C-alpha atoms as a PDB file:
ATOM      1  CA  MET A   1     -26.156  23.381 -29.575  1.00  0.00           C
ATOM      2  CA  SER A   2     -22.678  22.793 -28.167  1.00  0.00           C
ATOM      3  CA  LYS A   3     -21.695  19.267 -27.285  1.00  0.00           C
ATOM      4  CA  ALA A   4     -21.775  18.457 -23.566  1.00  0.00           C
ATOM      5  CA  ASN A   5     -18.404  18.123 -21.901  1.00  0.00           C
ATOM      6  CA  PRO A   6     -18.578  15.253 -19.362  1.00  0.00           C
ATOM      7  CA  PHE A   7     -15.346  16.330 -17.715  1.00  0.00           C
ATOM      8  CA  LYS A   8     -16.632  19.835 -16.977  1.00  0.00           C
ATOM      9  CA  GLU A   9     -19.959  18.412 -15.826  1.00  0.00           C
ATOM     10  CA  ARG A  10     -18.157  16.166 -13.363  1.00  0.00           C
ATOM     11  CA  GLN A  11     -16.106  19.140 -12.175  1.00  0.00           C
ATOM     12  CA  ALA A  12     -19.287  21.139 -11.626  1.00  0.00           C
ATOM     13  CA  ARG A  13     -20.842  18.311  -9.624  1.00  0.00           C
ATOM     14  CA  LYS A  14     -17.753  18.137  -7.422  1.00  0.00           C
ATOM     15  CA  ALA A  15     -17.840  21.891  -6.862  1.00  0.00           C
ATOM     16  CA  ALA A  16     -21.542  21.757  -5.992  1.00  0.00           C
ATOM     17  CA  ALA A  17     -20.905  18.967  -3.490  1.00  0.00           C
ATOM     18  CA  GLY A  18     -18.739  21.247  -1.413  1.00  0.00           C
ATOM     19  CA  ALA A  19     -15.572  23.230  -1.722  1.00  0.00           C
ATOM     20  CA  VAL A  20     -13.903  22.001   1.440  1.00  0.00           C
ATOM     21  CA  VAL A  21     -12.125  18.719   2.053  1.00  0.00           C
ATOM     22  CA  ALA A  22     -13.978  16.868   4.787  1.00  0.00           C
ATOM     23  CA  VAL A  23     -11.836  16.183   7.819  1.00  0.00           C
ATOM     24  CA  PRO A  24     -13.421  13.772  10.291  1.00  0.00           C
ATOM     25  CA  GLY A  25     -14.948  15.639  13.206  1.00  0.00           C
ATOM     26  CA  GLN A  26     -14.430  19.038  11.595  1.00  0.00           C
ATOM     27  CA  GLN A  27     -17.314  21.469  11.347  1.00  0.00           C
ATOM     28  CA  GLY A  28     -17.471  24.311   8.879  1.00  0.00           C
ATOM     29  CA  GLY A  29     -14.511  25.408   6.817  1.00  0.00           C
ATOM     30  CA  SER A  30     -11.088  23.920   6.653  1.00  0.00           C
ATOM     31  CA  PRO A  31      -8.385  25.092   9.015  1.00  0.00           C
ATOM     32  CA  ALA A  32      -7.260  28.549   8.148  1.00  0.00           C
ATOM     33  CA  ALA A  33      -3.713  28.666   6.930  1.00  0.00           C
ATOM     34  CA  THR A  34      -1.435  30.621   9.169  1.00  0.00           C
ATOM     35  CA  GLU A  35       1.379  32.731   7.931  1.00  0.00           C
ATOM     36  CA  GLY A  36       4.415  30.737   6.978  1.00  0.00           C
ATOM     37  CA  ASP A  37       6.952  30.021   4.334  1.00  0.00           C
ATOM     38  CA  GLY A  38       4.513  28.238   2.048  1.00  0.00           C
ATOM     39  CA  HIS A  39       6.309  24.913   2.480  1.00  0.00           C
ATOM     40  CA  SER A  40       5.411  23.895   6.025  1.00  0.00           C
ATOM     41  CA  PRO A  41       1.921  22.523   6.741  1.00  0.00           C
ATOM     42  CA  ALA A  42       1.025  25.734   8.551  1.00  0.00           C
ATOM     43  CA  GLY A  43       1.974  27.790   5.520  1.00  0.00           C
ATOM     44  CA  ARG A  44      -0.332  26.063   3.032  1.00  0.00           C
ATOM     45  CA  THR A  45      -3.926  26.860   2.177  1.00  0.00           C
ATOM     46  CA  PHE A  46      -6.492  24.105   1.905  1.00  0.00           C
ATOM     47  CA  ALA A  47      -9.225  25.693  -0.204  1.00  0.00           C
ATOM     48  CA  GLN A  48     -10.481  23.599  -3.094  1.00  0.00           C
ATOM     49  CA  GLY A  49     -11.607  24.836  -6.485  1.00  0.00           C
ATOM     50  CA  ARG A  50      -8.011  24.455  -7.674  1.00  0.00           C
ATOM     51  CA  PRO A  51      -6.698  28.000  -7.034  1.00  0.00           C
ATOM     52  CA  GLU A  52      -3.398  26.426  -5.994  1.00  0.00           C
ATOM     53  CA  LYS A  53      -1.313  23.681  -7.536  1.00  0.00           C
ATOM     54  CA  MET A  54      -2.250  20.118  -6.848  1.00  0.00           C
ATOM     55  CA  MET A  55      -0.325  18.334  -4.114  1.00  0.00           C
ATOM     56  CA  VAL A  56       2.836  16.366  -4.775  1.00  0.00           C
ATOM     57  CA  LEU A  57       4.470  13.773  -2.550  1.00  0.00           C
ATOM     58  CA  ALA A  58       6.989  16.275  -1.184  1.00  0.00           C
ATOM     59  CA  ASP A  59       4.126  18.393   0.211  1.00  0.00           C
ATOM     60  CA  LEU A  60       3.510  15.786   2.900  1.00  0.00           C
ATOM     61  CA  PRO A  61       5.741  15.796   5.993  1.00  0.00           C
ATOM     62  CA  GLU A  62       7.596  12.684   7.029  1.00  0.00           C
ATOM     63  CA  PRO A  63       5.359  10.359   9.101  1.00  0.00           C
ATOM     64  CA  ILE A  64       7.134  10.788  12.426  1.00  0.00           C
ATOM     65  CA  GLU A  65       6.359   8.222  15.121  1.00  0.00           C
ATOM     66  CA  THR A  66       4.575  10.021  17.971  1.00  0.00           C
ATOM     67  CA  PRO A  67       3.548   7.264  20.418  1.00  0.00           C
ATOM     68  CA  ASP A  68       2.963   9.689  23.298  1.00  0.00           C
ATOM     69  CA  ALA A  69       0.537  11.954  21.426  1.00  0.00           C
ATOM     70  CA  THR A  70      -2.676  12.320  23.429  1.00  0.00           C
ATOM     71  CA  GLY A  71      -5.493  14.808  23.923  1.00  0.00           C
ATOM     72  CA  ASP A  72      -6.807  17.339  21.431  1.00  0.00           C
ATOM     73  CA  LEU A  73      -4.891  17.967  18.235  1.00  0.00           C
ATOM     74  CA  SER A  74      -2.620  20.996  18.232  1.00  0.00           C
ATOM     75  CA  ASP A  75      -3.013  23.640  15.516  1.00  0.00           C
ATOM     76  CA  GLU A  76      -0.082  22.103  13.643  1.00  0.00           C
ATOM     77  CA  GLU A  77      -1.589  18.618  13.905  1.00  0.00           C
ATOM     78  CA  GLU A  78      -4.919  19.973  12.638  1.00  0.00           C
ATOM     79  CA  GLN A  79      -3.088  21.368   9.612  1.00  0.00           C
ATOM     80  CA  ILE A  80      -1.261  18.097   8.968  1.00  0.00           C
ATOM     81  CA  LEU A  81      -4.484  16.084   9.281  1.00  0.00           C
ATOM     82  CA  ALA A  82      -6.262  18.412   6.852  1.00  0.00           C
ATOM     83  CA  LEU A  83      -3.316  18.153   4.464  1.00  0.00           C
ATOM     84  CA  CYS A  84      -3.342  14.361   4.662  1.00  0.00           C
ATOM     85  CA  MET A  85      -7.086  14.184   4.049  1.00  0.00           C
ATOM     86  CA  ARG A  86      -6.651  16.479   1.071  1.00  0.00           C
ATOM     87  CA  GLY A  87      -3.941  14.189  -0.235  1.00  0.00           C
ATOM     88  CA  VAL A  88      -6.222  11.194   0.129  1.00  0.00           C
ATOM     89  CA  GLN A  89      -9.068  12.922  -1.699  1.00  0.00           C
ATOM     90  CA  GLN A  90      -6.995  14.326  -4.559  1.00  0.00           C
ATOM     91  CA  PHE A  91      -4.786  11.317  -5.074  1.00  0.00           C
ATOM     92  CA  GLU A  92      -7.038   8.314  -4.645  1.00  0.00           C
ATOM     93  CA  ASP A  93      -5.397   6.841  -7.732  1.00  0.00           C
ATOM     94  CA  ALA A  94      -1.850   7.860  -6.781  1.00  0.00           C
ATOM     95  CA  TRP A  95      -1.568   5.119  -4.211  1.00  0.00           C
ATOM     96  CA  TRP A  96       1.875   5.996  -2.918  1.00  0.00           C
ATOM     97  CA  VAL A  97       0.689   9.502  -1.909  1.00  0.00           C
ATOM     98  CA  MET A  98      -2.329   8.046  -0.145  1.00  0.00           C
ATOM     99  CA  GLY A  99      -0.054   5.538   1.597  1.00  0.00           C
ATOM    100  CA  LYS A 100       2.173   8.295   2.937  1.00  0.00           C
ATOM    101  CA  ALA A 101      -0.861  10.303   4.052  1.00  0.00           C
ATOM    102  CA  MET A 102      -2.187   7.296   5.957  1.00  0.00           C
ATOM    103  CA  ALA A 103       1.261   6.710   7.486  1.00  0.00           C
ATOM    104  CA  ASN A 104       1.237  10.272   8.833  1.00  0.00           C
ATOM    105  CA  ILE A 105      -2.228   9.853  10.323  1.00  0.00           C
ATOM    106  CA  ASN A 106      -1.200   6.566  11.942  1.00  0.00           C
ATOM    107  CA  ASN A 107       2.332   7.361  13.136  1.00  0.00           C
ATOM    108  CA  ARG A 108       1.427  10.812  14.461  1.00  0.00           C
ATOM    109  CA  ARG A 109      -1.758   9.387  16.039  1.00  0.00           C
ATOM    110  CA  LEU A 110      -3.837  12.053  14.302  1.00  0.00           C
ATOM    111  CA  TYR A 111      -6.749   9.619  14.185  1.00  0.00           C
ATOM    112  CA  ARG A 112      -7.288  10.263  17.914  1.00  0.00           C
ATOM    113  CA  LYS A 113      -9.323  13.345  17.042  1.00  0.00           C
ATOM    114  CA  THR A 114     -12.314  11.141  16.233  1.00  0.00           C
ATOM    115  CA  HIS A 115     -11.329   7.511  16.765  1.00  0.00           C
ATOM    116  CA  GLY A 116      -9.695   5.385  19.411  1.00  0.00           C
ATOM    117  CA  THR A 117      -7.561   3.388  16.984  1.00  0.00           C
ATOM    118  CA  PHE A 118      -6.149   3.799  13.510  1.00  0.00           C
ATOM    119  CA  GLY A 119      -7.872   0.589  12.474  1.00  0.00           C
ATOM    120  CA  ALA A 120     -11.289   2.081  13.246  1.00  0.00           C
ATOM    121  CA  PHE A 121     -10.320   5.333  11.481  1.00  0.00           C
ATOM    122  CA  ALA A 122      -9.142   3.458   8.377  1.00  0.00           C
ATOM    123  CA  GLU A 123     -12.292   1.358   8.165  1.00  0.00           C
ATOM    124  CA  GLU A 124     -14.710   4.257   8.633  1.00  0.00           C
ATOM    125  CA  VAL A 125     -12.914   7.039   6.760  1.00  0.00           C
ATOM    126  CA  PHE A 126     -10.872   5.222   4.088  1.00  0.00           C
ATOM    127  CA  LYS A 127     -13.115   2.155   3.827  1.00  0.00           C
ATOM    128  CA  LYS A 128     -10.014  -0.011   4.183  1.00  0.00           C
ATOM    129  CA  SER A 129      -9.383  -2.837   6.603  1.00  0.00           C
ATOM    130  CA  ARG A 130      -6.521  -2.370   9.006  1.00  0.00           C
ATOM    131  CA  PRO A 131      -4.301  -5.001   7.307  1.00  0.00           C
ATOM    132  CA  ILE A 132      -4.814  -3.452   3.867  1.00  0.00           C
ATOM    133  CA  ALA A 133      -4.081   0.035   5.197  1.00  0.00           C
ATOM    134  CA  TYR A 134      -0.843  -1.196   6.773  1.00  0.00           C
ATOM    135  CA  GLU A 135       0.160  -2.964   3.547  1.00  0.00           C
ATOM    136  CA  GLU A 136      -0.283   0.277   1.601  1.00  0.00           C
ATOM    137  CA  MET A 137       1.590   2.297   4.214  1.00  0.00           C
ATOM    138  CA  THR A 138       4.515  -0.116   3.988  1.00  0.00           C
ATOM    139  CA  ALA A 139       4.510  -0.080   0.188  1.00  0.00           C
ATOM    140  CA  TYR A 140       4.383   3.695  -0.373  1.00  0.00           C
ATOM    141  CA  ALA A 141       8.155   4.131  -0.031  1.00  0.00           C
ATOM    142  CA  ILE A 142       8.734   1.767  -2.963  1.00  0.00           C
ATOM    143  CA  GLY A 143       6.312   3.699  -5.143  1.00  0.00           C
ATOM    144  CA  GLU A 144       8.028   6.929  -4.161  1.00  0.00           C
ATOM    145  CA  LEU A 145      11.499   5.653  -5.020  1.00  0.00           C
ATOM    146  CA  LEU A 146      10.600   3.717  -8.158  1.00  0.00           C
ATOM    147  CA  SER A 147       8.362   6.328  -9.721  1.00  0.00           C
ATOM    148  CA  ALA A 148      10.682   8.647 -11.598  1.00  0.00           C
ATOM    149  CA  ARG A 149       7.906  11.205 -11.849  1.00  0.00           C
ATOM    150  CA  ALA A 150       6.395  10.736  -8.376  1.00  0.00           C
ATOM    151  CA  ASP A 151       6.861  14.398  -7.523  1.00  0.00           C
ATOM    152  CA  LYS A 152       5.397  15.794 -10.739  1.00  0.00           C
ATOM    153  CA  PRO A 153       2.255  17.856 -10.073  1.00  0.00           C
ATOM    154  CA  PHE A 154      -0.929  17.421 -12.013  1.00  0.00           C
ATOM    155  CA  GLU A 155      -0.903  19.426 -15.219  1.00  0.00           C
ATOM    156  CA  ARG A 156      -3.812  20.972 -17.054  1.00  0.00           C
ATOM    157  CA  ASN A 157      -4.814  19.523 -20.383  1.00  0.00           C
ATOM    158  CA  SER A 158      -6.761  21.072 -23.237  1.00  0.00           C
ATOM    159  CA  ASN A 159     -10.006  20.714 -21.267  1.00  0.00           C
ATOM    160  CA  GLU A 160      -8.485  22.709 -18.394  1.00  0.00           C
ATOM    161  CA  MET A 161      -8.886  19.647 -16.261  1.00  0.00           C
ATOM    162  CA  SER A 162      -6.241  18.212 -13.985  1.00  0.00           C
ATOM    163  CA  ALA A 163      -4.506  15.356 -15.780  1.00  0.00           C
ATOM    164  CA  ARG A 164      -2.166  12.814 -14.296  1.00  0.00           C
ATOM    165  CA  ALA A 165       1.348  13.915 -15.147  1.00  0.00           C
ATOM    166  CA  ASP A 166       3.050  11.201 -13.152  1.00  0.00           C
ATOM    167  CA  THR A 167       2.798   7.571 -14.121  1.00  0.00           C
ATOM    168  CA  PRO A 168       4.149   5.176 -11.506  1.00  0.00           C
ATOM    169  CA  SER A 169       6.591   2.538 -12.691  1.00  0.00           C
ATOM    170  CA  ILE A 170       5.188   0.024 -10.202  1.00  0.00           C
ATOM    171  CA  GLY A 171       1.632  -0.717  -9.207  1.00  0.00           C
ATOM    172  CA  LYS A 172       0.244  -0.896  -5.693  1.00  0.00           C
ATOM    173  CA  LYS A 173      -0.204  -4.679  -5.768  1.00  0.00           C
ATOM    174  CA  ALA A 174       3.318  -5.247  -7.065  1.00  0.00           C
ATOM    175  CA  ALA A 175       4.799  -2.971  -4.409  1.00  0.00           C
ATOM    176  CA  SER A 176       2.710  -4.698  -1.727  1.00  0.00           C
ATOM    177  CA  ALA A 177       4.018  -8.064  -2.899  1.00  0.00           C
ATOM    178  CA  LEU A 178       7.492  -6.776  -1.988  1.00  0.00           C
ATOM    179  CA  ASN A 179       6.398  -5.811   1.546  1.00  0.00           C
ATOM    180  CA  PRO A 180       8.079  -8.775   3.280  1.00  0.00           C
ATOM    181  CA  ILE A 181      11.413  -7.574   1.853  1.00  0.00           C
ATOM    182  CA  THR A 182      10.583  -3.955   2.710  1.00  0.00           C
ATOM    183  CA  LYS A 183       9.712  -4.816   6.302  1.00  0.00           C
ATOM    184  CA  ASP A 184      12.902  -6.844   6.752  1.00  0.00           C
ATOM    185  CA  TYR A 185      15.450  -4.790   4.809  1.00  0.00           C
ATOM    186  CA  GLY A 186      13.853  -1.493   3.754  1.00  0.00           C
ATOM    187  CA  PRO A 187      12.551  -0.054   0.456  1.00  0.00           C
ATOM    188  CA  ASP A 188      15.970   0.283  -1.192  1.00  0.00           C
ATOM    189  CA  THR A 189      16.568  -3.453  -0.907  1.00  0.00           C
ATOM    190  CA  SER A 190      13.045  -4.126  -2.181  1.00  0.00           C
ATOM    191  CA  ILE A 191      13.839  -2.061  -5.239  1.00  0.00           C
ATOM    192  CA  ALA A 192      17.051  -4.052  -5.750  1.00  0.00           C
ATOM    193  CA  VAL A 193      14.985  -7.254  -5.632  1.00  0.00           C
ATOM    194  CA  HIS A 194      12.417  -5.795  -8.032  1.00  0.00           C
ATOM    195  CA  GLU A 195      15.113  -4.762 -10.498  1.00  0.00           C
ATOM    196  CA  THR A 196      16.860  -8.139 -10.170  1.00  0.00           C
ATOM    197  CA  ILE A 197      13.648  -9.973 -11.084  1.00  0.00           C
ATOM    198  CA  LYS A 198      13.059  -7.569 -13.957  1.00  0.00           C
ATOM    199  CA  ASP A 199      16.605  -7.960 -15.307  1.00  0.00           C
ATOM    200  CA  ALA A 200      16.535 -11.739 -14.915  1.00  0.00           C
ATOM    201  CA  THR A 201      13.206 -12.167 -16.693  1.00  0.00           C
ATOM    202  CA  GLY A 202      13.806  -9.433 -19.246  1.00  0.00           C
ATOM    203  CA  LYS A 203      10.234  -8.226 -19.049  1.00  0.00           C
ATOM    204  CA  THR A 204       7.780  -6.270 -16.933  1.00  0.00           C
ATOM    205  CA  VAL A 205       7.570  -7.825 -13.490  1.00  0.00           C
ATOM    206  CA  THR A 206       4.137  -9.229 -12.698  1.00  0.00           C
ATOM    207  CA  VAL A 207       2.591  -9.424  -9.254  1.00  0.00           C
ATOM    208  CA  LYS A 208       2.467 -13.209  -9.576  1.00  0.00           C
ATOM    209  CA  ALA A 209       6.191 -13.381 -10.369  1.00  0.00           C
ATOM    210  CA  ILE A 210       7.112 -11.114  -7.446  1.00  0.00           C
ATOM    211  CA  SER A 211       4.917 -13.041  -5.001  1.00  0.00           C
ATOM    212  CA  GLY A 212       6.284 -16.378  -6.133  1.00  0.00           C
ATOM    213  CA  ILE A 213       9.873 -15.239  -5.623  1.00  0.00           C
ATOM    214  CA  VAL A 214       9.407 -13.269  -2.386  1.00  0.00           C
ATOM    215  CA  GLN A 215       7.536 -16.128  -0.717  1.00  0.00           C
ATOM    216  CA  GLN A 216      10.593 -18.348  -1.199  1.00  0.00           C
ATOM    217  CA  VAL A 217      12.993 -15.848   0.375  1.00  0.00           C
ATOM    218  CA  PRO A 218      13.606 -16.596   4.078  1.00  0.00           C
ATOM    219  CA  ARG A 219      12.475 -13.881   6.466  1.00  0.00           C
ATOM    220  CA  LYS A 220      15.204 -11.931   8.210  1.00  0.00           C
ATOM    221  CA  GLU A 221      14.322 -13.367  11.618  1.00  0.00           C
ATOM    222  CA  ASP A 222      14.987 -16.854  10.218  1.00  0.00           C
ATOM    223  CA  LYS A 223      18.098 -16.071   8.169  1.00  0.00           C
ATOM    224  CA  GLU A 224      19.566 -12.603   7.626  1.00  0.00           C
ATOM    225  CA  LEU A 225      21.100 -12.008   4.196  1.00  0.00           C
ATOM    226  CA  SER A 226      23.228  -9.207   2.817  1.00  0.00           C
ATOM    227  CA  GLN A 227      21.838  -7.385  -0.213  1.00  0.00           C
ATOM    228  CA  ASP A 228      24.297  -9.209  -2.485  1.00  0.00           C
ATOM    229  CA  GLU A 229      23.278 -12.562  -1.030  1.00  0.00           C
ATOM    230  CA  LEU A 230      19.611 -11.634  -1.340  1.00  0.00           C
ATOM    231  CA  THR A 231      19.817 -10.577  -4.988  1.00  0.00           C
ATOM    232  CA  ALA A 232      21.918 -13.665  -5.807  1.00  0.00           C
ATOM    233  CA  LEU A 233      19.232 -15.867  -4.249  1.00  0.00           C
ATOM    234  CA  VAL A 234      16.541 -14.034  -6.205  1.00  0.00           C
ATOM    235  CA  ARG A 235      18.429 -14.595  -9.480  1.00  0.00           C
ATOM    236  CA  GLU A 236      18.691 -18.299  -8.636  1.00  0.00           C
ATOM    237  CA  LEU A 237      14.979 -18.494  -7.831  1.00  0.00           C
ATOM    238  CA  VAL A 238      14.089 -16.747 -11.078  1.00  0.00           C
ATOM    239  CA  ALA A 239      16.287 -19.143 -13.037  1.00  0.00           C
ATOM    240  CA  ASN A 240      14.517 -22.105 -11.420  1.00  0.00           C
ATOM    241  CA  MET A 241      11.017 -20.759 -11.968  1.00  0.00           C
ATOM    242  CA  PRO A 242       8.874 -23.429 -13.677  1.00  0.00           C
ATOM    243  CA  GLN A 243       8.336 -22.731 -17.342  1.00  0.00           C
ATOM    244  CA  PRO A 244       5.007 -23.391 -19.058  1.00  0.00           C
ATOM    245  CA  GLY A 245       5.009 -26.958 -20.335  1.00  0.00           C
ATOM    246  CA  ARG A 246       3.839 -28.238 -23.663  1.00  0.00           C
ATOM    247  CA  GLY A 247       0.197 -29.085 -23.776  1.00  0.00           C
ATOM    248  CA  GLN A 248      -2.611 -28.871 -21.260  1.00  0.00           C
ATOM    249  CA  GLN A 249      -1.284 -31.656 -18.991  1.00  0.00           C
ATOM    250  CA  ALA A 250       2.098 -30.002 -18.436  1.00  0.00           C
ATOM    251  CA  SER A 251       0.463 -26.623 -17.757  1.00  0.00           C
ATOM    252  CA  ALA A 252      -1.905 -28.142 -15.185  1.00  0.00           C
ATOM    253  CA  LEU A 253       0.994 -29.847 -13.415  1.00  0.00           C
ATOM    254  CA  GLU A 254       2.909 -26.582 -13.200  1.00  0.00           C
ATOM    255  CA  ASP A 255      -0.164 -24.830 -11.792  1.00  0.00           C
ATOM    256  CA  LEU A 256      -0.499 -27.566  -9.170  1.00  0.00           C
ATOM    257  CA  ARG A 257       3.177 -27.271  -8.219  1.00  0.00           C
ATOM    258  CA  SER A 258       2.774 -23.516  -7.949  1.00  0.00           C
ATOM    259  CA  ALA A 259      -0.250 -23.904  -5.653  1.00  0.00           C
ATOM    260  CA  VAL A 260       1.678 -26.257  -3.352  1.00  0.00           C
ATOM    261  CA  MET A 261       4.620 -23.848  -3.366  1.00  0.00           C
ATOM    262  CA  HIS A 262       2.294 -21.093  -2.123  1.00  0.00           C
ATOM    263  CA  LEU A 263       0.970 -23.383   0.606  1.00  0.00           C
ATOM    264  CA  GLU A 264       4.500 -24.151   1.752  1.00  0.00           C
ATOM    265  CA  ALA A 265       5.359 -20.444   1.758  1.00  0.00           C
ATOM    266  CA  ALA A 266       2.252 -19.695   3.828  1.00  0.00           C
ATOM    267  CA  HIS A 267       3.263 -22.387   6.329  1.00  0.00           C
ATOM    268  CA  ARG A 268       6.731 -20.846   6.666  1.00  0.00           C
ATOM    269  CA  ALA A 269       5.189 -17.414   7.107  1.00  0.00           C
ATOM    270  CA  LEU A 270       3.137 -18.667  10.061  1.00  0.00           C
ATOM    271  CA  ALA A 271       6.240 -18.730  12.250  1.00  0.00           C
ATOM    272  CA  PRO A 272       5.547 -19.094  16.009  1.00  0.00           C
ATOM    273  CA  ALA A 273       7.376 -15.842  16.789  1.00  0.00           C
ATOM    274  CA  ARG A 274       5.274 -13.960  14.255  1.00  0.00           C
ATOM    275  CA  ILE A 275       2.039 -15.442  15.586  1.00  0.00           C
ATOM    276  CA  LYS A 276       2.986 -14.552  19.167  1.00  0.00           C
ATOM    277  CA  LYS A 277       3.778 -10.971  18.176  1.00  0.00           C
ATOM    278  CA  ALA A 278       0.473 -10.645  16.310  1.00  0.00           C
ATOM    279  CA  LEU A 279      -1.435 -11.953  19.346  1.00  0.00           C
ATOM    280  CA  GLU A 280       0.276  -9.381  21.554  1.00  0.00           C
ATOM    281  CA  GLU A 281      -0.579  -6.601  19.092  1.00  0.00           C
ATOM    282  CA  ASP A 282      -4.258  -7.489  18.685  1.00  0.00           C
ATOM    283  CA  ALA A 283      -5.349 -10.817  20.158  1.00  0.00           C
ATOM    284  CA  GLY A 284      -8.879 -10.682  18.760  1.00  0.00           C
ATOM    285  CA  GLU A 285      -7.859  -9.862  15.191  1.00  0.00           C
ATOM    286  CA  ALA A 286      -4.981 -12.362  15.280  1.00  0.00           C
ATOM    287  CA  ALA A 287      -7.346 -15.103  16.474  1.00  0.00           C
ATOM    288  CA  LYS A 288      -9.668 -14.394  13.525  1.00  0.00           C
ATOM    289  CA  ILE A 289      -6.756 -14.610  11.092  1.00  0.00           C
ATOM    290  CA  LEU A 290      -5.531 -17.879  12.628  1.00  0.00           C
ATOM    291  CA  ALA A 291      -9.038 -19.329  12.470  1.00  0.00           C
ATOM    292  CA  SER A 292      -9.196 -18.365   8.790  1.00  0.00           C
ATOM    293  CA  ALA A 293      -5.803 -20.014   8.216  1.00  0.00           C
ATOM    294  CA  LYS A 294      -7.013 -23.188   9.925  1.00  0.00           C
ATOM    295  CA  ASP A 295     -10.184 -23.237   7.822  1.00  0.00           C
ATOM    296  CA  THR A 296      -8.222 -22.691   4.604  1.00  0.00           C
ATOM    297  CA  ALA A 297      -5.785 -25.471   5.509  1.00  0.00           C
ATOM    298  CA  ALA A 298      -8.661 -27.837   6.252  1.00  0.00           C
ATOM    299  CA  LYS A 299     -10.216 -27.066   2.855  1.00  0.00           C
ATOM    300  CA  ALA A 300      -6.893 -27.745   1.140  1.00  0.00           C
ATOM    301  CA  VAL A 301      -6.526 -31.083   2.945  1.00  0.00           C
ATOM    302  CA  ALA A 302     -10.097 -32.091   2.089  1.00  0.00           C
ATOM    303  CA  ARG A 303      -9.646 -31.194  -1.570  1.00  0.00           C
ATOM    304  CA  ALA A 304      -6.364 -33.089  -1.862  1.00  0.00           C
ATOM    305  CA  ASN A 305      -7.834 -36.152  -0.121  1.00  0.00           C
ATOM    306  CA  GLY A 306     -10.722 -36.126  -2.554  1.00  0.00           C
ATOM    307  CA  PHE A 307      -8.357 -36.892  -5.435  1.00  0.00           C
ATOM    308  CA  LEU A 308      -5.898 -39.227  -3.687  1.00  0.00           C
ATOM    309  CA  PRO A 309      -6.323 -43.006  -3.749  1.00  0.00           C
ATOM    310  CA  GLN A 310      -8.207 -44.172  -0.698  1.00  0.00           C
ATOM    311  CA  SER A 311      -6.344 -46.623   1.491  1.00  0.00           C
ATOM    312  CA  THR A 312      -8.124 -49.872   2.274  1.00  0.00           C
END
């Protein structure tokens, strides 16, 4: 009796579950591909079963802002939505591709086919909260630029299964930690910061290291820096990063200093202008976030007071 192949069994289960990528609100088969050059969304086919090559990042169009898009989706928008949903399904682990797909759905307002807002679409279809979806959409450009093999298609291995051919040089959490820099100065500057931290530490950059540095960099609205000034500041911050002390007591003190540093960074991040803008964007959601911030601050105060000498 031949040994069972779990990879082929999983492939068979996927095929049995349905050969068409599910697009919200779509009945029956996927949109039929119209004649084209094979590179535009209208010129691609969407059938599964792997008769065509797996998607690469370049297959997705640029997420063009379309604030006036209303009504039913056009044929081209239907094709783009189907393409984006296919990208999400096939590249759940390739986070930068999923981020770009979500950016298309949001910026082009493709979610309007079935939902009133992108936040509702993200929560129901992607099972992601609106803030997390936006973080990933901001971070995708860094993954695209930093991953030297981001545009490599999946290749078949000896089991005739699709194998990841592209290995990103930065993870989703690390790229998201750079989002404040990306939002203020763009992905190229974020990459410069990432490389500066890497060169200064001489090792793989951890999410904790990136977060600790980025949180100490002033936001652009508070103080705008040139890229040279920004990278110089980052090198200085890296040089002044607390080093693990000798023994348990020193390590605990450094952890406590680090925790306070994060609290101070959070306080700076809660700038009045930023809060006002968030309230204008979504008053209800912003109020929930502010209430959570207030609760967290109260817990921090209570915990600190519990260990401080009580005044008489």
